[in-house]
Amino acid sequence: MNRIASLVVSIFLALLLLSSTMFVVDQRQYAIVFALGEVKEVISTPGLHFKLPPPFQNVLTLDKRVLTIDTQDADRFITAEKKNLQIDSYVKWRIVEPRTYFVSFGGDESRARDRMLQIVKAALNDEINKRTVHDVISGERGKVMEAIRTKMVGEAKQIGVEIVDVRLKRVDYVEQINNSVYERMKAERTRVANETRSTGNAEFEQIRADADKQRAEILAEAYKEAGRIQGEGDAKAAQIYSQAFGKNPEFYKFYRSLEAYKASFKNHSDVMVVDPNSEFFKYFRSPSSGK
């Protein structure tokens, strides 16, 4: 019975020893095999691997994916104009030299992040100091980010890291000068609005003057054409009247007398003092003969 128990214990110990010599590497990880702080092997191939049991050899895994360092608080920088800016940024990076990275930080990712933040802050400070507020905010923002990334590449390579991307999330003035900046921006926008309004009013007056001129020209041409047509009509009518009344002069006299009567007796209240035997009333006396 004791032999069986001893055998079971031996098998258990053997399995425990064997399990301590095996480890699995994920496809998203590097594995560093080290002994007493010295790197023995770097494994990047996923699968099952073997090593010596502890304490002879140990394994540390490192993430090979793209990681992000996001600044929690905005840092203050001074531009070439000696103006303070608060800038939030983030950096995307990944481990490309696991051995160098392990030697630099002992596999401690928090230490690596702190070092990366120092590098990005130094690069930001160098670039912001050379540029104006306009350049940082909009004019050369892309160039600023690319320059920061270029500056970080060399230092990051020394610690086994590759810089994938650098971005400025937010660029703002410090609280002390926000109000003055807003007032200046407001004044500038007001000036532009007034200039635009003035230009619009000038164009409006010019358009209205042109329209009035065109209207006067059109009306003048219309009156001229109407006068010409009316003149032609009156001449034609006079010709027709002349031809018609020339065939019977007596009827023409009678017609003109009727027109005179109509105009003279237009209002019932009108009073005329005229001799009844005058020439004016000859057709009242004898309409048929005019006598």
C-alpha atoms as a PDB file:
ATOM      1  CA  MET A   1       0.000   0.000   0.000  1.00  0.00           C
ATOM      2  CA  ASN A   2       2.829   2.360   0.865  1.00  0.00           C
ATOM      3  CA  ARG A   3       4.493   1.518  -2.445  1.00  0.00           C
ATOM      4  CA  ILE A   4       1.325   2.497  -4.318  1.00  0.00           C
ATOM      5  CA  ALA A   5       1.060   5.769  -2.432  1.00  0.00           C
ATOM      6  CA  SER A   6       4.709   6.506  -3.126  1.00  0.00           C
ATOM      7  CA  LEU A   7       4.155   5.726  -6.824  1.00  0.00           C
ATOM      8  CA  VAL A   8       1.170   8.071  -6.994  1.00  0.00           C
ATOM      9  CA  VAL A   9       3.141  10.819  -5.313  1.00  0.00           C
ATOM     10  CA  SER A  10       6.053  10.259  -7.681  1.00  0.00           C
ATOM     11  CA  ILE A  11       3.775  10.401 -10.717  1.00  0.00           C
ATOM     12  CA  PHE A  12       2.139  13.585  -9.409  1.00  0.00           C
ATOM     13  CA  LEU A  13       5.501  15.202  -8.815  1.00  0.00           C
ATOM     14  CA  ALA A  14       6.672  14.121 -12.260  1.00  0.00           C
ATOM     15  CA  LEU A  15       3.565  15.606 -13.886  1.00  0.00           C
ATOM     16  CA  LEU A  16       3.981  18.780 -11.868  1.00  0.00           C
ATOM     17  CA  LEU A  17       7.610  19.019 -12.945  1.00  0.00           C
ATOM     18  CA  LEU A  18       6.665  18.344 -16.562  1.00  0.00           C
ATOM     19  CA  SER A  19       3.912  20.964 -16.523  1.00  0.00           C
ATOM     20  CA  SER A  20       6.373  23.537 -15.203  1.00  0.00           C
ATOM     21  CA  THR A  21       8.537  22.960 -18.258  1.00  0.00           C
ATOM     22  CA  MET A  22       5.714  23.574 -20.759  1.00  0.00           C
ATOM     23  CA  PHE A  23       4.117  26.851 -21.739  1.00  0.00           C
ATOM     24  CA  VAL A  24       1.835  28.102 -24.522  1.00  0.00           C
ATOM     25  CA  VAL A  25       2.533  31.236 -26.547  1.00  0.00           C
ATOM     26  CA  ASP A  26      -0.524  33.091 -27.842  1.00  0.00           C
ATOM     27  CA  GLN A  27      -0.403  34.583 -31.356  1.00  0.00           C
ATOM     28  CA  ARG A  28      -0.890  38.052 -29.805  1.00  0.00           C
ATOM     29  CA  GLN A  29       2.128  37.696 -27.511  1.00  0.00           C
ATOM     30  CA  TYR A  30       5.885  37.443 -27.288  1.00  0.00           C
ATOM     31  CA  ALA A  31       7.378  35.036 -24.754  1.00  0.00           C
ATOM     32  CA  ILE A  32      10.692  35.791 -23.073  1.00  0.00           C
ATOM     33  CA  VAL A  33      12.503  32.917 -21.390  1.00  0.00           C
ATOM     34  CA  PHE A  34      14.946  34.253 -18.796  1.00  0.00           C
ATOM     35  CA  ALA A  35      17.037  32.982 -15.916  1.00  0.00           C
ATOM     36  CA  LEU A  36      18.102  35.207 -13.048  1.00  0.00           C
ATOM     37  CA  GLY A  37      17.138  38.326 -15.035  1.00  0.00           C
ATOM     38  CA  GLU A  38      19.116  37.281 -18.125  1.00  0.00           C
ATOM     39  CA  VAL A  39      17.215  36.736 -21.356  1.00  0.00           C
ATOM     40  CA  LYS A  40      17.806  33.248 -22.734  1.00  0.00           C
ATOM     41  CA  GLU A  41      15.316  33.156 -25.575  1.00  0.00           C
ATOM     42  CA  VAL A  42      12.633  35.289 -27.253  1.00  0.00           C
ATOM     43  CA  ILE A  43       9.749  33.331 -28.771  1.00  0.00           C
ATOM     44  CA  SER A  44       7.276  34.960 -31.183  1.00  0.00           C
ATOM     45  CA  THR A  45       5.913  31.763 -32.772  1.00  0.00           C
ATOM     46  CA  PRO A  46       2.556  30.738 -31.262  1.00  0.00           C
ATOM     47  CA  GLY A  47       2.135  27.198 -29.929  1.00  0.00           C
ATOM     48  CA  LEU A  48       3.454  24.867 -27.237  1.00  0.00           C
ATOM     49  CA  HIS A  49       7.051  25.379 -26.070  1.00  0.00           C
ATOM     50  CA  PHE A  50       9.382  23.953 -23.417  1.00  0.00           C
ATOM     51  CA  LYS A  51      11.860  25.361 -20.898  1.00  0.00           C
ATOM     52  CA  LEU A  52      13.655  24.372 -17.748  1.00  0.00           C
ATOM     53  CA  PRO A  53      11.536  24.293 -14.606  1.00  0.00           C
ATOM     54  CA  PRO A  54      11.683  27.226 -12.154  1.00  0.00           C
ATOM     55  CA  PRO A  55      13.836  28.611 -10.673  1.00  0.00           C
ATOM     56  CA  PHE A  56      16.208  27.669 -13.500  1.00  0.00           C
ATOM     57  CA  GLN A  57      14.104  29.401 -16.131  1.00  0.00           C
ATOM     58  CA  ASN A  58      10.982  31.557 -16.085  1.00  0.00           C
ATOM     59  CA  VAL A  59       8.672  32.935 -18.789  1.00  0.00           C
ATOM     60  CA  LEU A  60       7.314  36.464 -19.241  1.00  0.00           C
ATOM     61  CA  THR A  61       4.762  37.301 -21.946  1.00  0.00           C
ATOM     62  CA  LEU A  62       4.584  40.679 -23.702  1.00  0.00           C
ATOM     63  CA  ASP A  63       1.713  42.040 -25.797  1.00  0.00           C
ATOM     64  CA  LYS A  64       2.676  42.374 -29.460  1.00  0.00           C
ATOM     65  CA  ARG A  65      -0.504  44.284 -30.442  1.00  0.00           C
ATOM     66  CA  VAL A  66      -0.725  48.026 -31.065  1.00  0.00           C
ATOM     67  CA  LEU A  67      -1.195  49.738 -27.695  1.00  0.00           C
ATOM     68  CA  THR A  68      -2.413  53.252 -26.853  1.00  0.00           C
ATOM     69  CA  ILE A  69      -1.118  55.749 -24.337  1.00  0.00           C
ATOM     70  CA  ASP A  70      -3.706  58.449 -23.697  1.00  0.00           C
ATOM     71  CA  THR A  71      -2.776  61.500 -21.635  1.00  0.00           C
ATOM     72  CA  GLN A  72      -5.232  61.833 -18.764  1.00  0.00           C
ATOM     73  CA  ASP A  73      -4.589  65.549 -18.143  1.00  0.00           C
ATOM     74  CA  ALA A  74      -3.782  68.241 -20.679  1.00  0.00           C
ATOM     75  CA  ASP A  75      -0.162  69.420 -20.601  1.00  0.00           C
ATOM     76  CA  ARG A  76       0.773  73.083 -20.940  1.00  0.00           C
ATOM     77  CA  PHE A  77       3.102  74.238 -23.719  1.00  0.00           C
ATOM     78  CA  ILE A  78       4.353  77.646 -24.895  1.00  0.00           C
ATOM     79  CA  THR A  79       4.158  78.658 -28.557  1.00  0.00           C
ATOM     80  CA  ALA A  80       6.595  80.816 -30.530  1.00  0.00           C
ATOM     81  CA  GLU A  81       4.327  83.775 -29.659  1.00  0.00           C
ATOM     82  CA  LYS A  82       4.824  83.065 -25.941  1.00  0.00           C
ATOM     83  CA  LYS A  83       1.222  81.975 -25.545  1.00  0.00           C
ATOM     84  CA  ASN A  84       0.188  79.065 -23.334  1.00  0.00           C
ATOM     85  CA  LEU A  85      -1.670  76.131 -24.844  1.00  0.00           C
ATOM     86  CA  GLN A  86      -3.183  73.087 -23.186  1.00  0.00           C
ATOM     87  CA  ILE A  87      -2.833  69.986 -25.349  1.00  0.00           C
ATOM     88  CA  ASP A  88      -4.311  66.511 -24.987  1.00  0.00           C
ATOM     89  CA  SER A  89      -2.616  63.831 -27.076  1.00  0.00           C
ATOM     90  CA  TYR A  90      -2.359  60.093 -27.507  1.00  0.00           C
ATOM     91  CA  VAL A  91       0.282  57.756 -28.907  1.00  0.00           C
ATOM     92  CA  LYS A  92      -0.148  54.369 -30.571  1.00  0.00           C
ATOM     93  CA  TRP A  93       2.856  52.070 -30.175  1.00  0.00           C
ATOM     94  CA  ARG A  94       3.906  48.433 -30.135  1.00  0.00           C
ATOM     95  CA  ILE A  95       6.821  46.313 -29.018  1.00  0.00           C
ATOM     96  CA  VAL A  96       9.094  45.296 -31.910  1.00  0.00           C
ATOM     97  CA  GLU A  97      12.273  44.337 -29.995  1.00  0.00           C
ATOM     98  CA  PRO A  98      11.148  42.256 -26.974  1.00  0.00           C
ATOM     99  CA  ARG A  99      14.676  41.670 -25.715  1.00  0.00           C
ATOM    100  CA  THR A 100      15.518  45.411 -25.690  1.00  0.00           C
ATOM    101  CA  TYR A 101      12.149  46.219 -24.153  1.00  0.00           C
ATOM    102  CA  PHE A 102      12.652  43.638 -21.381  1.00  0.00           C
ATOM    103  CA  VAL A 103      16.147  44.908 -20.613  1.00  0.00           C
ATOM    104  CA  SER A 104      14.866  48.510 -20.476  1.00  0.00           C
ATOM    105  CA  PHE A 105      11.857  47.972 -18.239  1.00  0.00           C
ATOM    106  CA  GLY A 106      12.052  44.411 -16.929  1.00  0.00           C
ATOM    107  CA  GLY A 107       8.676  43.767 -18.567  1.00  0.00           C
ATOM    108  CA  ASP A 108       6.936  46.425 -16.457  1.00  0.00           C
ATOM    109  CA  GLU A 109       4.423  48.085 -18.797  1.00  0.00           C
ATOM    110  CA  SER A 110       3.707  50.962 -16.384  1.00  0.00           C
ATOM    111  CA  ARG A 111       7.376  51.981 -16.512  1.00  0.00           C
ATOM    112  CA  ALA A 112       7.256  51.771 -20.307  1.00  0.00           C
ATOM    113  CA  ARG A 113       4.177  54.002 -20.418  1.00  0.00           C
ATOM    114  CA  ASP A 114       5.807  56.572 -18.156  1.00  0.00           C
ATOM    115  CA  ARG A 115       8.850  56.630 -20.415  1.00  0.00           C
ATOM    116  CA  MET A 116       6.681  57.002 -23.525  1.00  0.00           C
ATOM    117  CA  LEU A 117       4.831  59.933 -21.942  1.00  0.00           C
ATOM    118  CA  GLN A 118       8.162  61.627 -21.225  1.00  0.00           C
ATOM    119  CA  ILE A 119       9.247  61.151 -24.827  1.00  0.00           C
ATOM    120  CA  VAL A 120       6.022  62.493 -26.325  1.00  0.00           C
ATOM    121  CA  LYS A 121       5.986  65.470 -23.951  1.00  0.00           C
ATOM    122  CA  ALA A 122       9.554  66.402 -24.889  1.00  0.00           C
ATOM    123  CA  ALA A 123       8.770  66.093 -28.615  1.00  0.00           C
ATOM    124  CA  LEU A 124       5.616  68.170 -28.216  1.00  0.00           C
ATOM    125  CA  ASN A 125       7.492  70.865 -26.345  1.00  0.00           C
ATOM    126  CA  ASP A 126      10.163  71.095 -29.079  1.00  0.00           C
ATOM    127  CA  GLU A 127       7.605  71.392 -31.877  1.00  0.00           C
ATOM    128  CA  ILE A 128       5.128  73.735 -30.156  1.00  0.00           C
ATOM    129  CA  ASN A 129       7.908  76.161 -29.201  1.00  0.00           C
ATOM    130  CA  LYS A 130       8.717  76.635 -32.908  1.00  0.00           C
ATOM    131  CA  ARG A 131       5.172  77.296 -34.103  1.00  0.00           C
ATOM    132  CA  THR A 132       2.398  79.861 -33.722  1.00  0.00           C
ATOM    133  CA  VAL A 133      -1.041  79.211 -32.263  1.00  0.00           C
ATOM    134  CA  HIS A 134      -2.585  79.185 -35.748  1.00  0.00           C
ATOM    135  CA  ASP A 135      -0.079  76.599 -36.955  1.00  0.00           C
ATOM    136  CA  VAL A 136      -0.778  74.286 -34.030  1.00  0.00           C
ATOM    137  CA  ILE A 137      -4.558  74.604 -34.137  1.00  0.00           C
ATOM    138  CA  SER A 138      -5.194  74.396 -37.859  1.00  0.00           C
ATOM    139  CA  GLY A 139      -2.504  75.663 -40.211  1.00  0.00           C
ATOM    140  CA  GLU A 140       0.153  72.961 -39.735  1.00  0.00           C
ATOM    141  CA  ARG A 141      -1.473  70.525 -37.351  1.00  0.00           C
ATOM    142  CA  GLY A 142      -0.713  67.547 -39.567  1.00  0.00           C
ATOM    143  CA  LYS A 143       2.922  68.612 -39.898  1.00  0.00           C
ATOM    144  CA  VAL A 144       3.182  69.043 -36.117  1.00  0.00           C
ATOM    145  CA  MET A 145       1.948  65.501 -35.478  1.00  0.00           C
ATOM    146  CA  GLU A 146       4.267  64.044 -38.116  1.00  0.00           C
ATOM    147  CA  ALA A 147       7.251  65.963 -36.719  1.00  0.00           C
ATOM    148  CA  ILE A 148       6.473  64.714 -33.203  1.00  0.00           C
ATOM    149  CA  ARG A 149       6.256  61.150 -34.459  1.00  0.00           C
ATOM    150  CA  THR A 150       9.594  61.518 -36.286  1.00  0.00           C
ATOM    151  CA  LYS A 151      11.266  62.847 -33.128  1.00  0.00           C
ATOM    152  CA  MET A 152       9.882  59.971 -31.060  1.00  0.00           C
ATOM    153  CA  VAL A 153      10.938  57.205 -33.452  1.00  0.00           C
ATOM    154  CA  GLY A 154      14.648  57.366 -32.603  1.00  0.00           C
ATOM    155  CA  GLU A 155      14.193  57.371 -28.837  1.00  0.00           C
ATOM    156  CA  ALA A 156      11.472  54.735 -28.945  1.00  0.00           C
ATOM    157  CA  LYS A 157      13.702  52.432 -30.983  1.00  0.00           C
ATOM    158  CA  GLN A 158      16.282  52.506 -28.182  1.00  0.00           C
ATOM    159  CA  ILE A 159      13.761  50.884 -25.833  1.00  0.00           C
ATOM    160  CA  GLY A 160      12.491  48.324 -28.378  1.00  0.00           C
ATOM    161  CA  VAL A 161       9.291  50.195 -29.301  1.00  0.00           C
ATOM    162  CA  GLU A 162       7.851  51.343 -32.648  1.00  0.00           C
ATOM    163  CA  ILE A 163       5.728  54.527 -32.801  1.00  0.00           C
ATOM    164  CA  VAL A 164       2.695  53.827 -34.981  1.00  0.00           C
ATOM    165  CA  ASP A 165       0.889  57.165 -34.704  1.00  0.00           C
ATOM    166  CA  VAL A 166       0.716  60.393 -32.697  1.00  0.00           C
ATOM    167  CA  ARG A 167      -2.431  62.552 -32.506  1.00  0.00           C
ATOM    168  CA  LEU A 168      -3.387  65.829 -30.858  1.00  0.00           C
ATOM    169  CA  LYS A 169      -6.887  65.335 -29.480  1.00  0.00           C
ATOM    170  CA  ARG A 170      -7.577  68.810 -28.131  1.00  0.00           C
ATOM    171  CA  VAL A 171      -5.702  72.106 -28.337  1.00  0.00           C
ATOM    172  CA  ASP A 172      -7.010  74.925 -26.174  1.00  0.00           C
ATOM    173  CA  TYR A 173      -5.912  78.129 -24.512  1.00  0.00           C
ATOM    174  CA  VAL A 174      -5.334  78.174 -20.808  1.00  0.00           C
ATOM    175  CA  GLU A 175      -8.245  79.486 -18.762  1.00  0.00           C
ATOM    176  CA  GLN A 176      -6.585  82.813 -17.981  1.00  0.00           C
ATOM    177  CA  ILE A 177      -6.596  84.032 -21.600  1.00  0.00           C
ATOM    178  CA  ASN A 178      -9.722  82.299 -22.933  1.00  0.00           C
ATOM    179  CA  ASN A 179     -11.941  85.351 -22.402  1.00  0.00           C
ATOM    180  CA  SER A 180      -9.595  87.756 -24.171  1.00  0.00           C
ATOM    181  CA  VAL A 181      -9.200  85.331 -27.055  1.00  0.00           C
ATOM    182  CA  TYR A 182     -12.959  84.911 -27.379  1.00  0.00           C
ATOM    183  CA  GLU A 183     -13.466  88.682 -27.341  1.00  0.00           C
ATOM    184  CA  ARG A 184     -10.826  89.128 -30.022  1.00  0.00           C
ATOM    185  CA  MET A 185     -12.422  86.408 -32.134  1.00  0.00           C
ATOM    186  CA  LYS A 186     -15.838  88.016 -31.632  1.00  0.00           C
ATOM    187  CA  ALA A 187     -14.494  91.423 -32.668  1.00  0.00           C
ATOM    188  CA  GLU A 188     -12.877  89.907 -35.752  1.00  0.00           C
ATOM    189  CA  ARG A 189     -16.074  88.123 -36.757  1.00  0.00           C
ATOM    190  CA  THR A 190     -18.061  91.337 -36.185  1.00  0.00           C
ATOM    191  CA  ARG A 191     -15.649  93.258 -38.396  1.00  0.00           C
ATOM    192  CA  VAL A 192     -15.952  90.670 -41.157  1.00  0.00           C
ATOM    193  CA  ALA A 193     -19.748  90.706 -40.818  1.00  0.00           C
ATOM    194  CA  ASN A 194     -19.847  94.495 -41.090  1.00  0.00           C
ATOM    195  CA  GLU A 195     -17.605  94.430 -44.147  1.00  0.00           C
ATOM    196  CA  THR A 196     -19.792  91.800 -45.762  1.00  0.00           C
ATOM    197  CA  ARG A 197     -22.937  93.762 -44.914  1.00  0.00           C
ATOM    198  CA  SER A 198     -21.426  96.975 -46.301  1.00  0.00           C
ATOM    199  CA  THR A 199     -20.389  95.213 -49.498  1.00  0.00           C
ATOM    200  CA  GLY A 200     -23.860  93.718 -49.795  1.00  0.00           C
ATOM    201  CA  ASN A 201     -25.537  97.108 -49.352  1.00  0.00           C
ATOM    202  CA  ALA A 202     -23.267  98.654 -51.992  1.00  0.00           C
ATOM    203  CA  GLU A 203     -24.068  95.866 -54.422  1.00  0.00           C
ATOM    204  CA  PHE A 204     -27.775  96.246 -53.602  1.00  0.00           C
ATOM    205  CA  GLU A 205     -27.680  99.968 -54.402  1.00  0.00           C
ATOM    206  CA  GLN A 206     -25.803  99.294 -57.631  1.00  0.00           C
ATOM    207  CA  ILE A 207     -28.290  96.623 -58.689  1.00  0.00           C
ATOM    208  CA  ARG A 208     -31.240  98.852 -57.827  1.00  0.00           C
ATOM    209  CA  ALA A 209     -29.713 101.782 -59.761  1.00  0.00           C
ATOM    210  CA  ASP A 210     -29.151  99.538 -62.774  1.00  0.00           C
ATOM    211  CA  ALA A 211     -32.715  98.250 -62.508  1.00  0.00           C
ATOM    212  CA  ASP A 212     -34.148 101.804 -62.275  1.00  0.00           C
ATOM    213  CA  LYS A 213     -32.075 102.831 -65.291  1.00  0.00           C
ATOM    214  CA  GLN A 214     -33.286  99.846 -67.300  1.00  0.00           C
ATOM    215  CA  ARG A 215     -36.881 100.546 -66.213  1.00  0.00           C
ATOM    216  CA  ALA A 216     -36.606 104.201 -67.331  1.00  0.00           C
ATOM    217  CA  GLU A 217     -35.113 103.150 -70.664  1.00  0.00           C
ATOM    218  CA  ILE A 218     -37.814 100.516 -71.211  1.00  0.00           C
ATOM    219  CA  LEU A 219     -40.601 102.974 -70.300  1.00  0.00           C
ATOM    220  CA  ALA A 220     -39.127 105.682 -72.536  1.00  0.00           C
ATOM    221  CA  GLU A 221     -38.904 103.260 -75.423  1.00  0.00           C
ATOM    222  CA  ALA A 222     -42.445 102.067 -74.719  1.00  0.00           C
ATOM    223  CA  TYR A 223     -43.816 105.645 -74.597  1.00  0.00           C
ATOM    224  CA  LYS A 224     -41.949 106.454 -77.786  1.00  0.00           C
ATOM    225  CA  GLU A 225     -43.387 103.406 -79.524  1.00  0.00           C
ATOM    226  CA  ALA A 226     -46.865 104.114 -78.127  1.00  0.00           C
ATOM    227  CA  GLY A 227     -46.685 107.734 -79.378  1.00  0.00           C
ATOM    228  CA  ARG A 228     -45.581 106.560 -82.808  1.00  0.00           C
ATOM    229  CA  ILE A 229     -48.405 104.012 -82.997  1.00  0.00           C
ATOM    230  CA  GLN A 230     -50.952 106.518 -81.679  1.00  0.00           C
ATOM    231  CA  GLY A 231     -49.754 109.101 -84.205  1.00  0.00           C
ATOM    232  CA  GLU A 232     -50.061 106.605 -87.009  1.00  0.00           C
ATOM    233  CA  GLY A 233     -53.530 105.659 -85.758  1.00  0.00           C
ATOM    234  CA  ASP A 234     -54.672 109.259 -85.499  1.00  0.00           C
ATOM    235  CA  ALA A 235     -53.369 109.995 -89.002  1.00  0.00           C
ATOM    236  CA  LYS A 236     -55.117 106.930 -90.325  1.00  0.00           C
ATOM    237  CA  ALA A 237     -58.327 107.881 -88.535  1.00  0.00           C
ATOM    238  CA  ALA A 238     -58.135 111.446 -89.866  1.00  0.00           C
ATOM    239  CA  GLN A 239     -57.629 110.073 -93.351  1.00  0.00           C
ATOM    240  CA  ILE A 240     -60.628 107.770 -92.976  1.00  0.00           C
ATOM    241  CA  TYR A 241     -62.742 110.631 -91.551  1.00  0.00           C
ATOM    242  CA  SER A 242     -61.676 112.899 -94.392  1.00  0.00           C
ATOM    243  CA  GLN A 243     -62.515 110.302 -97.016  1.00  0.00           C
ATOM    244  CA  ALA A 244     -65.835 109.464 -95.394  1.00  0.00           C
ATOM    245  CA  PHE A 245     -66.982 113.024 -94.726  1.00  0.00           C
ATOM    246  CA  GLY A 246     -65.714 114.233 -98.110  1.00  0.00           C
ATOM    247  CA  LYS A 247     -68.433 112.159 -99.770  1.00  0.00           C
ATOM    248  CA  ASN A 248     -71.169 114.140 -97.937  1.00  0.00           C
ATOM    249  CA  PRO A 249     -70.031 117.531 -96.552  1.00  0.00           C
ATOM    250  CA  GLU A 250     -73.473 118.338 -95.159  1.00  0.00           C
ATOM    251  CA  PHE A 251     -73.514 115.154 -93.080  1.00  0.00           C
ATOM    252  CA  TYR A 252     -70.057 116.065 -91.797  1.00  0.00           C
ATOM    253  CA  LYS A 253     -71.350 119.444 -90.625  1.00  0.00           C
ATOM    254  CA  PHE A 254     -74.340 117.776 -88.970  1.00  0.00           C
ATOM    255  CA  TYR A 255     -72.095 115.219 -87.202  1.00  0.00           C
ATOM    256  CA  ARG A 256     -69.750 117.924 -85.899  1.00  0.00           C
ATOM    257  CA  SER A 257     -72.731 119.904 -84.619  1.00  0.00           C
ATOM    258  CA  LEU A 258     -73.991 116.862 -82.730  1.00  0.00           C
ATOM    259  CA  GLU A 259     -70.542 116.474 -81.159  1.00  0.00           C
ATOM    260  CA  ALA A 260     -70.664 120.145 -80.120  1.00  0.00           C
ATOM    261  CA  TYR A 261     -74.152 119.710 -78.622  1.00  0.00           C
ATOM    262  CA  LYS A 262     -73.004 116.655 -76.704  1.00  0.00           C
ATOM    263  CA  ALA A 263     -70.032 118.501 -75.235  1.00  0.00           C
ATOM    264  CA  SER A 264     -72.077 121.660 -74.435  1.00  0.00           C
ATOM    265  CA  PHE A 265     -75.023 119.946 -72.753  1.00  0.00           C
ATOM    266  CA  LYS A 266     -72.988 117.389 -70.854  1.00  0.00           C
ATOM    267  CA  ASN A 267     -74.123 118.536 -67.384  1.00  0.00           C
ATOM    268  CA  HIS A 268     -77.772 119.273 -66.547  1.00  0.00           C
ATOM    269  CA  SER A 269     -76.839 122.177 -64.323  1.00  0.00           C
ATOM    270  CA  ASP A 270     -74.996 124.067 -67.065  1.00  0.00           C
ATOM    271  CA  VAL A 271     -76.558 127.372 -68.151  1.00  0.00           C
ATOM    272  CA  MET A 272     -75.978 128.975 -71.587  1.00  0.00           C
ATOM    273  CA  VAL A 273     -76.971 132.443 -72.675  1.00  0.00           C
ATOM    274  CA  VAL A 274     -77.105 132.237 -76.477  1.00  0.00           C
ATOM    275  CA  ASP A 275     -79.402 133.681 -79.173  1.00  0.00           C
ATOM    276  CA  PRO A 276     -81.741 130.872 -80.317  1.00  0.00           C
ATOM    277  CA  ASN A 277     -81.398 132.096 -83.903  1.00  0.00           C
ATOM    278  CA  SER A 278     -77.629 131.840 -83.846  1.00  0.00           C
ATOM    279  CA  GLU A 279     -75.710 129.552 -86.190  1.00  0.00           C
ATOM    280  CA  PHE A 280     -75.050 127.172 -83.257  1.00  0.00           C
ATOM    281  CA  PHE A 281     -78.740 126.055 -83.125  1.00  0.00           C
ATOM    282  CA  LYS A 282     -79.401 125.786 -86.850  1.00  0.00           C
ATOM    283  CA  TYR A 283     -79.848 121.997 -86.741  1.00  0.00           C
ATOM    284  CA  PHE A 284     -82.374 122.374 -83.902  1.00  0.00           C
ATOM    285  CA  ARG A 285     -84.455 124.524 -86.182  1.00  0.00           C
ATOM    286  CA  SER A 286     -84.230 122.420 -89.349  1.00  0.00           C
ATOM    287  CA  PRO A 287     -82.225 119.230 -88.881  1.00  0.00           C
ATOM    288  CA  SER A 288     -83.023 117.967 -92.334  1.00  0.00           C
ATOM    289  CA  SER A 289     -81.722 121.002 -94.233  1.00  0.00           C
ATOM    290  CA  GLY A 290     -79.504 122.772 -91.788  1.00  0.00           C
ATOM    291  CA  LYS A 291     -81.401 126.063 -92.401  1.00  0.00           C
END
